C-alpha cells in the first residue's frame, strides 16, 4: 500500500487509477450510446457497442504502458542502488 509520502514525492502515480475510472466511464457511455442508436441505426449501434469499448481499452492500455514502464524503471533504479551499496 502506498503511503502519502510516496504520492507527494511522485514515487507512486495517481494517474493510472484515473485512467481506469475514465475507461469504465467511456465503456458505459459507448454501450448506452449504442443502445440508444439501435432503433435508428442498428448497424452503427452494434458497432458502437462492440468497437467503442475495444478502442477505449486499447487507448487505456497504451497509456498504462507508460506508467508501467515508469514503475519498472523505478524498481531497476532501486535494485541498482542496493547493488552499488554492497
Protein backbone atom coordinates (compact mmCIF):
# COMPACT_ATOMS: atom_id res chain seq x y z
CA UNK A 1 0.00 0.00 0.00
CA UNK A 2 1.34 3.37 -0.98
CA UNK A 3 1.94 5.98 1.68
CA UNK A 4 1.07 9.66 1.43
CA UNK A 5 4.78 10.47 1.13
CA UNK A 6 5.06 8.26 -1.98
CA UNK A 7 2.28 10.24 -3.64
CA UNK A 8 3.75 13.59 -2.59
CA UNK A 9 7.20 12.69 -3.94
CA UNK A 10 5.72 11.26 -7.16
CA UNK A 11 7.11 7.79 -6.46
CA UNK A 12 3.57 6.43 -6.76
CA UNK A 13 1.36 7.74 -9.56
CA UNK A 14 -2.32 8.66 -9.25
CA UNK A 15 -2.99 8.84 -12.99
CA UNK A 16 -3.28 5.05 -13.57
CA UNK A 17 -6.27 4.97 -11.22
CA UNK A 18 -7.82 7.92 -13.05
CA UNK A 19 -7.24 6.17 -16.40
CA UNK A 20 -9.05 3.05 -15.15
CA UNK A 21 -12.01 5.09 -13.91
CA UNK A 22 -12.22 7.02 -17.19
CA UNK A 23 -12.03 3.75 -19.12
CA UNK A 24 -15.12 2.39 -17.36
CA UNK A 25 -16.98 5.67 -17.88
CA UNK A 26 -16.19 5.55 -21.62
CA UNK A 27 -17.25 1.89 -21.83
CA UNK A 28 -20.58 2.70 -20.16
CA UNK A 29 -21.08 5.69 -22.49
CA UNK A 30 -20.34 3.57 -25.57
CA UNK A 31 -22.74 0.82 -24.54
CA UNK A 32 -25.51 3.25 -23.59
CA UNK A 33 -24.93 5.31 -26.72
CA UNK A 34 -25.02 2.16 -28.82
CA UNK A 35 -28.25 1.03 -27.18
CA UNK A 36 -29.88 4.40 -27.88
CA UNK A 37 -28.67 4.23 -31.50
CA UNK A 38 -30.08 0.74 -32.13
CA UNK A 39 -33.63 1.83 -33.08
CA UNK A 40 -32.46 4.45 -35.63
CA UNK A 41 -29.20 2.92 -36.89
CA UNK A 42 -28.93 -0.75 -35.89
CA UNK A 43 -25.57 -1.37 -37.58
CA UNK A 44 -23.98 1.76 -36.11
CA UNK A 45 -25.40 0.93 -32.68
CA UNK A 46 -23.99 -2.59 -32.73
CA UNK A 47 -20.62 -1.33 -33.96
CA UNK A 48 -20.55 1.26 -31.19
CA UNK A 49 -21.38 -1.36 -28.57
CA UNK A 50 -18.64 -3.67 -29.84
CA UNK A 51 -15.91 -1.35 -31.12
CA UNK A 52 -16.32 1.51 -28.61
CA UNK A 53 -15.15 -0.45 -25.56
CA UNK A 54 -12.45 -2.16 -27.65
CA UNK A 55 -10.98 1.14 -28.81
CA UNK A 56 -11.25 2.55 -25.28
CA UNK A 57 -9.40 -0.49 -23.91
CA UNK A 58 -6.60 -0.21 -26.48
CA UNK A 59 -6.18 3.50 -25.75
CA UNK A 60 -6.18 2.92 -21.97
CA UNK A 61 -3.60 0.14 -22.32
CA UNK A 62 -1.32 2.37 -24.38
CA UNK A 63 -1.47 5.00 -21.65
CA UNK A 64 -0.96 2.42 -18.90
CA UNK A 65 2.16 1.04 -20.59
CA UNK A 66 3.90 4.36 -19.96
CA UNK A 67 3.16 4.18 -16.25
CA UNK A 68 4.17 0.52 -16.02
CA UNK A 69 7.47 1.38 -17.69
CA UNK A 70 7.96 4.12 -15.10
CA UNK A 71 7.28 1.66 -12.25
CA UNK A 72 9.70 -0.91 -13.65
CA UNK A 73 12.41 1.69 -14.24
CA UNK A 74 12.00 2.84 -10.64
CA UNK A 75 12.40 -0.78 -9.45
CA UNK A 76 15.54 -1.16 -11.59
CA UNK A 77 16.91 2.06 -10.11
CA UNK A 78 16.32 0.78 -6.58
CA UNK A 79 17.96 -2.57 -7.36
CA UNK A 80 20.98 -0.86 -8.87
CA UNK A 81 21.25 1.45 -5.86
CA UNK A 82 21.16 -1.54 -3.49
CA UNK A 83 23.76 -3.34 -5.60
CA UNK A 84 26.03 -0.27 -5.58
CA UNK A 85 25.78 -0.01 -1.77
CA UNK A 86 27.16 -3.54 -1.30
